[in-house]
N, C-alpha and C. Protein backbone atom coordinates (compact mmCIF):
# COMPACT_ATOMS: atom_id res chain seq x y z
N MET A 1 0.62 -0.99 0.19
CA MET A 1 0.44 0.55 -0.10
C MET A 1 1.19 1.11 -0.46
N ASN A 2 0.57 2.05 -0.08
CA ASN A 2 1.39 2.89 -0.97
C ASN A 2 1.47 4.00 0.51
N GLU A 3 2.04 4.93 0.99
CA GLU A 3 3.04 5.30 2.07
C GLU A 3 1.24 6.37 1.62
N ASN A 4 0.95 7.84 1.27
CA ASN A 4 0.32 8.34 1.73
C ASN A 4 -1.18 7.93 1.46
N VAL A 5 -1.84 6.87 0.93
CA VAL A 5 -3.13 6.15 1.59
C VAL A 5 -2.57 5.97 2.76
N ILE A 6 -1.82 5.35 2.91
CA ILE A 6 -1.57 4.68 4.85
C ILE A 6 -1.93 6.28 5.42
N GLN A 7 -1.48 7.26 5.20
CA GLN A 7 -1.02 8.58 5.57
C GLN A 7 -2.90 9.60 5.65
N ALA A 8 -3.22 8.64 4.93
CA ALA A 8 -4.59 9.57 4.68
C ALA A 8 -5.79 8.88 5.05
N ILE A 9 -5.64 7.73 5.76
CA ILE A 9 -6.78 6.78 6.48
C ILE A 9 -6.60 7.21 8.37
N LEU A 10 -5.00 7.53 8.33
CA LEU A 10 -4.27 7.40 9.69
C LEU A 10 -5.33 9.81 9.90
N VAL A 11 -5.51 10.39 8.81
CA VAL A 11 -5.39 11.42 9.22
C VAL A 11 -7.24 11.35 9.59
N PHE A 12 -7.68 11.27 8.54
CA PHE A 12 -9.46 10.82 8.49
C PHE A 12 -9.84 9.84 10.40
N ALA A 13 -8.86 8.75 10.43
CA ALA A 13 -9.17 8.07 11.72
C ALA A 13 -8.64 9.13 13.03
N VAL A 14 -8.17 9.75 13.11
CA VAL A 14 -8.21 11.35 13.51
C VAL A 14 -8.58 11.52 14.09
N PHE A 15 -9.52 12.20 12.92
CA PHE A 15 -10.47 12.96 12.81
C PHE A 15 -11.68 12.54 13.35
N VAL A 16 -11.74 10.87 12.49
CA VAL A 16 -13.57 10.87 13.78
C VAL A 16 -13.20 10.29 14.89
N VAL A 17 -12.23 9.63 15.23
CA VAL A 17 -11.77 8.94 16.93
C VAL A 17 -12.59 10.51 17.57
N VAL A 18 -11.48 12.05 17.11
CA VAL A 18 -11.48 13.05 17.83
C VAL A 18 -13.19 13.46 18.30
N SER A 19 -13.78 13.67 17.06
CA SER A 19 -14.87 13.75 17.00
C SER A 19 -16.23 12.32 17.89
N LEU A 20 -15.45 11.58 17.62
CA LEU A 20 -16.46 10.00 19.32
C LEU A 20 -15.72 11.08 19.77
N ILE A 21 -14.95 12.15 20.19
CA ILE A 21 -14.52 11.89 22.33
C ILE A 21 -15.02 12.70 22.22
N ILE A 22 -14.88 13.22 21.55
CA ILE A 22 -15.96 15.48 22.05
C ILE A 22 -17.54 14.55 22.22
N ASP A 23 -17.51 14.14 21.18
CA ASP A 23 -19.40 13.20 20.94
C ASP A 23 -19.85 13.32 22.70
N ARG A 24 -19.02 11.87 23.20
CA ARG A 24 -19.71 11.47 24.31
C ARG A 24 -19.17 12.41 24.93
N PHE A 25 -18.15 12.84 25.41
CA PHE A 25 -18.08 14.41 26.76
C PHE A 25 -18.98 15.35 26.43
N LEU A 26 -19.82 15.31 24.96
CA LEU A 26 -21.10 16.74 25.35
C LEU A 26 -21.90 16.08 26.32
N LYS A 27 -22.22 14.52 25.32
CA LYS A 27 -23.91 13.69 26.07
C LYS A 27 -23.31 13.80 27.42
N GLN A 28 -21.87 13.19 27.57
CA GLN A 28 -21.97 13.54 29.03
C GLN A 28 -22.71 14.65 29.86
N VAL A 29 -21.74 15.82 29.83
CA VAL A 29 -22.47 17.05 30.42
C VAL A 29 -23.75 16.90 30.26
N ALA A 30 -25.09 17.14 29.02
CA ALA A 30 -26.04 17.46 28.83
C ALA A 30 -27.00 16.17 29.77
N ALA A 31 -26.22 15.51 29.72
CA ALA A 31 -26.79 14.64 30.64
C ALA A 31 -27.49 15.39 32.07
N ARG A 32 -26.00 16.30 32.15
CA ARG A 32 -26.08 16.93 33.95
C ARG A 32 -27.59 18.17 34.08
N PHE A 33 -28.12 18.32 32.94
CA PHE A 33 -28.91 19.54 32.78
C PHE A 33 -30.03 19.58 32.29
N ASP A 34 -31.47 20.31 31.83
CA ASP A 34 -32.63 19.38 31.74
C ASP A 34 -32.81 18.95 30.40
N SER A 35 -33.72 19.06 29.88
CA SER A 35 -33.92 18.30 28.47
C SER A 35 -34.46 19.30 27.46
N ALA A 36 -33.73 21.14 28.11
CA ALA A 36 -33.73 21.37 26.30
C ALA A 36 -32.49 22.35 27.55
N ALA A 37 -31.58 21.71 27.65
CA ALA A 37 -30.61 22.26 27.66
C ALA A 37 -29.69 20.83 27.24
N SER A 38 -30.01 20.27 26.92
CA SER A 38 -29.47 19.16 26.50
C SER A 38 -29.37 18.78 25.07
N GLU A 39 -30.84 19.89 24.74
CA GLU A 39 -30.88 19.93 23.20
C GLU A 39 -30.40 20.53 22.77
N SER A 40 -29.08 21.82 22.90
CA SER A 40 -28.40 22.87 22.89
C SER A 40 -27.22 21.60 22.64
N PHE A 41 -26.63 20.93 23.30
CA PHE A 41 -26.15 19.90 23.84
C PHE A 41 -25.55 18.73 22.23
N ARG A 42 -26.79 18.57 22.06
CA ARG A 42 -27.62 17.87 20.97
C ARG A 42 -26.77 18.13 19.38
N LEU A 43 -27.06 19.98 19.58
CA LEU A 43 -27.73 20.53 18.37
C LEU A 43 -26.07 20.43 18.04
N ILE A 44 -25.15 20.84 19.15
CA ILE A 44 -23.25 21.30 19.21
C ILE A 44 -23.33 19.16 19.21
N SER A 45 -23.50 18.55 18.91
CA SER A 45 -22.40 17.37 19.09
C SER A 45 -23.32 16.68 17.68
N ASN A 46 -23.81 17.70 17.45
CA ASN A 46 -23.99 17.16 15.80
C ASN A 46 -23.18 17.58 14.77
N SER A 47 -23.49 19.28 15.34
CA SER A 47 -22.38 19.63 14.48
C SER A 47 -21.20 19.48 14.23
N GLN A 48 -20.43 19.74 15.43
CA GLN A 48 -18.15 19.18 15.67
C GLN A 48 -18.29 17.81 14.79
N ARG A 49 -19.23 17.33 15.53
CA ARG A 49 -19.56 15.41 14.49
C ARG A 49 -19.04 16.16 13.20
N VAL A 50 -20.23 16.50 12.39
CA VAL A 50 -20.04 16.84 11.38
C VAL A 50 -18.71 17.24 10.59
N VAL A 51 -18.17 18.31 11.14
CA VAL A 51 -17.34 19.63 10.58
C VAL A 51 -16.81 18.48 10.93
N LEU A 52 -15.80 18.24 12.32
CA LEU A 52 -14.78 17.67 12.22
C LEU A 52 -14.03 16.19 11.45
N ILE A 53 -15.67 15.25 10.74
CA ILE A 53 -15.43 14.19 10.12
C ILE A 53 -15.45 14.96 8.24
N PHE A 54 -15.51 15.89 8.19
CA PHE A 54 -15.95 16.91 6.94
C PHE A 54 -14.32 17.35 6.23
N ILE A 55 -13.36 17.73 7.75
CA ILE A 55 -12.36 18.60 7.91
C ILE A 55 -11.10 17.26 8.13
N GLY A 56 -11.95 16.43 8.33
CA GLY A 56 -10.73 15.51 8.38
C GLY A 56 -10.96 14.57 6.98
N ALA A 57 -11.81 14.56 6.31
CA ALA A 57 -11.62 13.59 5.12
C ALA A 57 -11.18 15.03 3.95
N VAL A 58 -11.20 16.55 3.44
CA VAL A 58 -10.34 16.82 3.04
C VAL A 58 -9.10 16.91 3.67
N LEU A 59 -8.39 16.64 4.44
CA LEU A 59 -7.08 16.72 4.40
C LEU A 59 -6.64 15.14 4.49
N ALA A 60 -7.33 14.01 4.39
CA ALA A 60 -6.83 12.95 3.87
C ALA A 60 -7.15 13.10 2.84
N LEU A 61 -7.64 14.24 1.46
CA LEU A 61 -7.87 14.08 0.24
C LEU A 61 -6.83 14.79 0.09
N SER A 62 -6.25 15.48 -0.05
CA SER A 62 -4.87 15.91 -0.04
C SER A 62 -3.60 15.64 0.26
N LYS A 63 -4.03 14.22 1.40
CA LYS A 63 -2.24 13.33 1.66
C LYS A 63 -3.11 12.61 0.01
N LEU A 64 -4.16 12.54 -0.71
CA LEU A 64 -3.31 11.84 -1.41
C LEU A 64 -3.27 12.00 -3.07
N GLY A 65 -2.71 13.39 -2.60
CA GLY A 65 -3.05 14.25 -3.68
C GLY A 65 -3.69 15.44 -4.59
N PHE A 66 -4.37 15.06 -4.18
CA PHE A 66 -5.91 16.20 -4.42
C PHE A 66 -5.76 17.48 -4.14
N ASP A 67 -6.29 17.95 -5.17
CA ASP A 67 -6.27 19.42 -5.32
C ASP A 67 -7.17 19.96 -4.41
N VAL A 68 -6.97 20.05 -2.76
CA VAL A 68 -8.00 20.76 -2.14
C VAL A 68 -8.79 22.31 -2.44
N GLY A 69 -7.81 23.13 -2.82
CA GLY A 69 -7.54 24.94 -2.86
C GLY A 69 -8.72 25.66 -3.47
N ALA A 70 -9.13 24.22 -4.53
CA ALA A 70 -10.72 25.19 -5.48
C ALA A 70 -12.27 24.00 -3.87
N LEU A 71 -11.32 23.11 -3.97
CA LEU A 71 -13.28 23.24 -2.84
C LEU A 71 -12.60 23.47 -2.06
N VAL A 72 -11.91 24.00 -1.29
CA VAL A 72 -12.20 25.09 -0.14
C VAL A 72 -12.67 26.31 -0.25
N ALA A 73 -12.15 26.40 -1.28
CA ALA A 73 -12.35 27.76 -2.10
C ALA A 73 -14.21 28.55 -2.11
N GLY A 74 -14.46 27.13 -3.02
CA GLY A 74 -15.93 27.03 -2.99
C GLY A 74 -17.08 26.84 -2.48
N LEU A 75 -16.17 26.33 -1.24
CA LEU A 75 -17.42 25.96 0.11
C LEU A 75 -17.31 27.33 1.07
N GLY A 76 -16.13 28.15 1.06
CA GLY A 76 -15.69 28.86 1.62
C GLY A 76 -16.65 30.12 1.37
N LEU A 77 -16.99 30.35 -0.26
CA LEU A 77 -17.75 31.22 -1.26
C LEU A 77 -19.67 30.95 -0.73
N THR A 78 -19.62 29.40 -0.45
CA THR A 78 -20.98 28.71 -0.21
C THR A 78 -21.42 28.64 1.23
N GLY A 79 -20.36 29.07 1.82
CA GLY A 79 -20.65 28.41 3.18
C GLY A 79 -21.59 30.40 3.71
N PHE A 80 -20.77 31.88 3.24
CA PHE A 80 -21.09 32.41 3.05
C PHE A 80 -21.51 33.44 2.30
N ALA A 81 -22.42 32.86 1.59
CA ALA A 81 -23.51 33.14 1.06
C ALA A 81 -24.79 33.03 1.17
N LEU A 82 -24.99 31.05 2.47
CA LEU A 82 -25.44 30.37 3.14
C LEU A 82 -26.00 31.13 4.56
N GLY A 83 -24.82 31.84 4.81
CA GLY A 83 -24.71 32.14 5.70
C GLY A 83 -25.81 34.03 6.43
N PHE A 84 -25.14 34.44 4.78
CA PHE A 84 -25.83 35.21 4.74
C PHE A 84 -27.13 35.10 4.56
N ALA A 85 -27.13 34.01 3.90
CA ALA A 85 -28.75 34.09 2.93
C ALA A 85 -30.27 33.69 4.79
N LEU A 86 -29.25 32.65 5.20
CA LEU A 86 -29.78 32.63 6.47
C LEU A 86 -29.69 32.71 7.84
N LYS A 87 -29.28 34.66 8.16
CA LYS A 87 -28.91 34.98 8.81
C LYS A 87 -29.39 35.52 9.39
N ASP A 88 -31.56 35.93 9.32
CA ASP A 88 -32.11 35.83 9.89
C ASP A 88 -32.28 34.25 11.06
N ALA A 89 -32.41 33.08 10.86
CA ALA A 89 -32.62 31.83 10.87
C ALA A 89 -31.66 30.98 11.73
N ILE A 90 -30.14 31.19 11.70
CA ILE A 90 -28.96 31.16 12.71
C ILE A 90 -29.37 32.75 13.85
N SER A 91 -29.26 33.66 13.68
CA SER A 91 -29.99 34.59 14.82
C SER A 91 -30.82 33.94 15.85
N ASN A 92 -31.66 33.42 15.11
CA ASN A 92 -32.99 32.92 15.57
C ASN A 92 -32.27 31.86 17.37
N LEU A 93 -31.27 30.96 16.10
CA LEU A 93 -31.01 30.06 17.22
C LEU A 93 -30.01 29.93 17.81
N ILE A 94 -29.11 31.28 17.80
CA ILE A 94 -28.43 31.63 18.63
C ILE A 94 -28.57 32.15 20.33
N ALA A 95 -30.31 33.14 19.14
CA ALA A 95 -30.73 33.65 20.10
C ALA A 95 -31.46 32.50 21.56
N GLY A 96 -32.16 31.58 20.35
CA GLY A 96 -32.49 30.01 20.96
C GLY A 96 -31.60 29.64 22.14
N ILE A 97 -30.71 29.78 21.74
CA ILE A 97 -29.37 28.35 22.39
C ILE A 97 -29.11 29.56 23.35
N MET A 98 -29.03 31.05 23.41
CA MET A 98 -28.63 31.95 25.31
C MET A 98 -29.66 31.80 26.08
N ILE A 99 -31.08 31.59 25.60
CA ILE A 99 -32.40 31.48 25.81
C ILE A 99 -32.15 30.68 26.33
N VAL A 100 -32.19 28.87 26.21
CA VAL A 100 -31.66 28.26 27.54
C VAL A 100 -30.90 28.28 28.32
N LEU A 101 -29.61 28.46 27.79
CA LEU A 101 -28.94 28.12 28.63
C LEU A 101 -29.47 29.61 30.19
N TYR A 102 -29.66 31.05 29.58
CA TYR A 102 -29.39 31.67 30.81
C TYR A 102 -30.41 31.84 31.16
N LYS A 103 -32.18 31.30 30.74
CA LYS A 103 -33.02 31.10 30.99
C LYS A 103 -34.24 32.86 31.63
N PRO A 104 -33.90 32.36 30.78
CA PRO A 104 -34.74 34.00 32.03
C PRO A 104 -35.65 34.34 31.53
N ILE A 105 -36.53 33.47 30.60
CA ILE A 105 -38.62 32.90 31.30
C ILE A 105 -38.19 31.57 31.19
N LYS A 106 -39.98 31.68 32.26
CA LYS A 106 -40.50 29.51 31.40
C LYS A 106 -41.34 29.89 31.43
N LEU A 107 -41.58 28.75 31.09
CA LEU A 107 -43.09 28.08 30.47
C LEU A 107 -44.08 28.91 31.63
N GLY A 108 -44.61 29.14 30.73
CA GLY A 108 -46.08 29.25 32.12
C GLY A 108 -46.33 31.48 32.10
N ASN A 109 -44.63 31.56 31.79
CA ASN A 109 -44.64 33.45 32.14
C ASN A 109 -45.36 34.36 31.53
N LYS A 110 -46.69 34.83 31.89
CA LYS A 110 -46.88 35.71 30.74
C LYS A 110 -46.24 36.91 30.73
N ILE A 111 -45.77 37.51 29.41
CA ILE A 111 -45.36 38.35 28.80
C ILE A 111 -45.83 39.33 28.25
N ASP A 112 -45.39 40.47 27.84
CA ASP A 112 -45.79 41.84 27.06
C ASP A 112 -43.85 41.39 25.88
N ILE A 113 -44.42 41.28 25.26
CA ILE A 113 -42.74 41.59 23.45
C ILE A 113 -43.35 41.47 22.35
N THR A 114 -43.26 43.17 21.70
CA THR A 114 -43.71 43.86 20.80
C THR A 114 -44.84 43.08 20.44
N GLY A 115 -45.54 43.21 21.34
CA GLY A 115 -47.29 43.73 21.35
C GLY A 115 -47.68 42.27 20.99
N SER A 116 -46.94 41.00 21.03
CA SER A 116 -47.19 40.45 21.98
C SER A 116 -47.44 39.40 23.29
N LYS A 117 -48.99 39.39 24.14
CA LYS A 117 -48.45 39.47 24.42
C LYS A 117 -49.90 38.17 25.17
N GLY A 118 -48.45 37.51 26.23
CA GLY A 118 -49.66 36.81 26.90
C GLY A 118 -48.58 35.99 27.50
N THR A 119 -49.31 34.07 27.81
CA THR A 119 -48.79 32.79 28.94
C THR A 119 -47.74 32.01 27.67
N VAL A 120 -46.68 31.52 28.33
CA VAL A 120 -45.11 31.24 27.29
C VAL A 120 -45.93 30.26 27.27
N VAL A 121 -46.49 29.15 26.16
CA VAL A 121 -46.44 27.86 26.60
C VAL A 121 -46.02 27.44 25.36
N ASP A 122 -44.79 27.38 25.29
CA ASP A 122 -43.08 27.01 23.98
C ASP A 122 -42.54 27.31 24.14
N LEU A 123 -40.86 26.88 24.91
CA LEU A 123 -39.66 27.87 24.43
C LEU A 123 -38.55 26.07 23.51
N ASN A 124 -38.57 27.15 21.99
CA ASN A 124 -37.00 26.40 21.65
C ASN A 124 -36.36 26.86 20.32
N LEU A 125 -35.68 26.06 20.05
CA LEU A 125 -34.59 27.07 19.71
C LEU A 125 -35.05 28.39 18.78
N ARG A 126 -36.42 27.75 18.01
CA ARG A 126 -36.54 29.02 17.06
C ARG A 126 -37.31 30.06 17.24
N TYR A 127 -38.12 30.12 17.73
CA TYR A 127 -39.29 31.05 18.73
C TYR A 127 -39.38 30.89 20.10
N ILE A 128 -40.56 31.32 20.38
CA ILE A 128 -40.95 31.37 21.58
C ILE A 128 -42.82 31.43 20.93
N THR A 129 -43.20 30.70 22.08
CA THR A 129 -45.06 30.65 21.57
C THR A 129 -45.71 31.31 22.56
N VAL A 130 -46.44 32.12 22.43
CA VAL A 130 -46.49 32.61 23.60
C VAL A 130 -48.33 32.32 23.00
N LYS A 131 -49.45 32.15 24.27
CA LYS A 131 -50.82 32.15 23.59
C LYS A 131 -52.42 33.05 24.62
N ASP A 132 -52.90 33.95 24.08
CA ASP A 132 -53.63 35.05 24.80
C ASP A 132 -55.23 34.84 24.13
N GLU A 133 -56.28 34.82 24.58
CA GLU A 133 -57.35 34.87 24.04
C GLU A 133 -57.87 33.92 23.20
N GLY A 134 -57.02 32.97 22.93
CA GLY A 134 -57.79 31.35 21.48
C GLY A 134 -56.59 32.24 20.86
N VAL A 135 -55.65 33.00 20.93
CA VAL A 135 -54.38 33.67 19.51
C VAL A 135 -53.10 32.93 19.96
N THR A 136 -52.44 32.41 19.10
CA THR A 136 -51.50 32.35 19.04
C THR A 136 -50.06 33.50 18.80
N HIS A 137 -48.86 33.61 19.50
CA HIS A 137 -47.67 34.39 18.57
C HIS A 137 -46.62 33.47 18.67
N LEU A 138 -45.98 33.75 17.84
CA LEU A 138 -44.45 33.12 17.74
C LEU A 138 -43.77 33.95 17.93
N VAL A 139 -43.07 33.60 18.03
CA VAL A 139 -42.18 34.99 18.61
C VAL A 139 -40.67 34.54 18.30
N PRO A 140 -40.16 35.68 17.61
CA PRO A 140 -39.34 34.70 16.97
C PRO A 140 -37.69 35.53 18.10
N ASN A 141 -36.85 34.17 17.80
CA ASN A 141 -36.12 34.32 19.75
C ASN A 141 -34.57 35.31 19.93
N SER A 142 -34.62 36.01 18.38
CA SER A 142 -33.91 36.85 17.69
C SER A 142 -34.84 38.40 18.26
N LEU A 143 -35.89 38.58 18.24
CA LEU A 143 -36.80 39.69 19.34
C LEU A 143 -36.61 39.61 20.53
N PHE A 144 -37.01 38.76 21.17
CA PHE A 144 -36.83 38.54 22.54
C PHE A 144 -35.75 39.37 23.34
N LEU A 145 -34.21 38.85 23.12
CA LEU A 145 -32.71 39.70 22.39
C LEU A 145 -33.14 41.22 22.33
N ASN A 146 -33.60 40.99 20.90
CA ASN A 146 -33.28 42.48 20.51
C ASN A 146 -34.42 43.29 21.68
N ASN A 147 -35.51 42.98 22.70
CA ASN A 147 -36.08 43.90 22.20
C ASN A 147 -36.86 43.95 24.06
N LYS A 148 -36.74 45.24 24.28
CA LYS A 148 -38.50 45.32 25.81
C LYS A 148 -39.34 43.84 25.70
N VAL A 149 -38.90 43.05 27.07
CA VAL A 149 -39.63 41.98 27.07
C VAL A 149 -40.09 42.71 28.69
N SER A 150 -41.44 42.32 28.54
CA SER A 150 -42.12 43.28 30.30
C SER A 150 -42.30 42.07 30.66
N ILE A 151 -42.35 40.64 31.59
CA ILE A 151 -43.03 39.89 32.22
C ILE A 151 -43.64 40.48 32.95
N ILE A 152 -45.30 39.69 33.28
CA ILE A 152 -45.64 40.45 34.10
C ILE A 152 -46.21 39.60 35.16
N ASP A 153 -45.86 40.25 36.16
CA ASP A 153 -46.38 39.40 37.95
C ASP A 153 -48.17 39.00 38.11
N GLU A 154 -48.65 38.09 37.72
CA GLU A 154 -49.34 38.34 38.18
C GLU A 154 -50.34 38.74 39.87
N ASP A 155 -49.06 38.12 40.46
CA ASP A 155 -49.76 38.73 42.06
C ASP A 155 -50.18 40.50 42.01
N LYS A 156 -49.72 40.47 41.81
CA LYS A 156 -50.13 42.11 41.43
C LYS A 156 -51.06 42.95 40.72
N GLN A 157 -51.97 41.92 40.11
CA GLN A 157 -52.92 42.48 38.90
C GLN A 157 -54.30 43.00 39.62
């Protein structure tokens, strides 16, 4: 077997093993948190695994003598275009992770945000579901972090 093929297999194997180790570590950390926070760790775990295996594959291809410069440049441009196109979705996702980690609101809280007033019935990584008098509002998480939010204290009403 050619020396470059062995090196390519080793490089790829190292990246796969490292991704599995990080995956196991993140799952152990996630087990210590509630279900909402563990979803964030699962998302991070899956993302890191895909990224590390992809990097390992690109490096393995370069060890085999393939010119990966054009591939990397093309992926960079594609990533930029997708990032720009998905700017709002990514913003909501990051805001959702921050809401899950910092827990500024909980299910059952009465809130008023950008004219949407009601009880929080669901929180996820994309939006907050607020329900009031038969009307359901889906408030993007980025609005929660970027606007004034009033948490209504029912005891004082």
